C-alpha cells in the first residue's frame, strides 16, 4: 500500500511517501506563510523522486491540527483535492497524536505541546501501553503553559514547538520530573502521519473525504474577530525554523 502523508500545521511542513511499513522518501521544508505556493510542488517532487504519480497512491493522509490555521486549510484542501480527483481514500490524523507517537519508546507520560499565537499552547497527555498502543490521558486543550504545568505531577516527556519555546519553564516547574526532547523530534512529520493513517485504514471502512476538517481547539482570529480589518493582525511569534529544503531518504 502506497500512502502519501502531508503535514502543514507549523513553520516546517513535510510530505512523505511510504509503501506498507517502508519509508520511501520524505521532504521537510520551510512553509510558514507559503504553503499555498510550495505544497503541490513538494508533492510532485517527492513522487517524481520515487518514480510514481498520484495515480499510484492507495491512500492520502493529512495532519488535521491543531496548528497554523492557514496551514491547516491549505494542507487539508490539497489532500482532499488529490483524493477527490484520483478517487483515493483520505484519512486525517490529529497533530498532537502525531507528535506524541514520535516519542515512541518512552515509558513516561507523553506531553506534546504546540506553540500557539501569543503565549498559549495546544497540548494533551498520552502514554504508551505495554503493547505499544498510544492512549490519550487528557483531551486536547488551548491554555497558558503555567496553568498546564501546574496540573502535571509525574514523570513526563515533553516535545513539540511549545515544549521547545517553554523548555525553561518546564524544567523550573517540574525539575527532574521533566524530559524535553529536541526541537527536531517534536516537528510533526508527514511520515508519521502516513504510517498512522495506513494502520487506521486497515481497521476502518472508507470515509467521506469531505468530512475531514481542521481541529482548531480554539477559534481562528477570523472567527473570533469577524470585523477586524485585513492586515491589522500581528505575525505569529515562535522559533525560527531551520531550512530543510531537501529530500531525506530514510531507512526504517
Foldseek 3Di string as FASTA:
>chain_A
DWEWFWEQFEQKIKIWIADQLWTFWMFIFGPVVNCLPPVVVRVVVRQVVVVHDLLPHQEYEYAFDDGDPVSNVSGLVVSLVSCVVNVHFYDYDHQQVLLQLLVFPDQAKEWEWEQDFDQKIWIFIWGADPVGDIDTDGDIAIDHPVVVLVPDDAQYEYAYQNCVVCVVVNCVSQPPSYHYDDNVSRDRGRSSRRNVVVVVPVPDDGDDSVVRHHDNNDDDCCVVPVPDDPPPDDDGDGDDDDGRRDMDGDGD
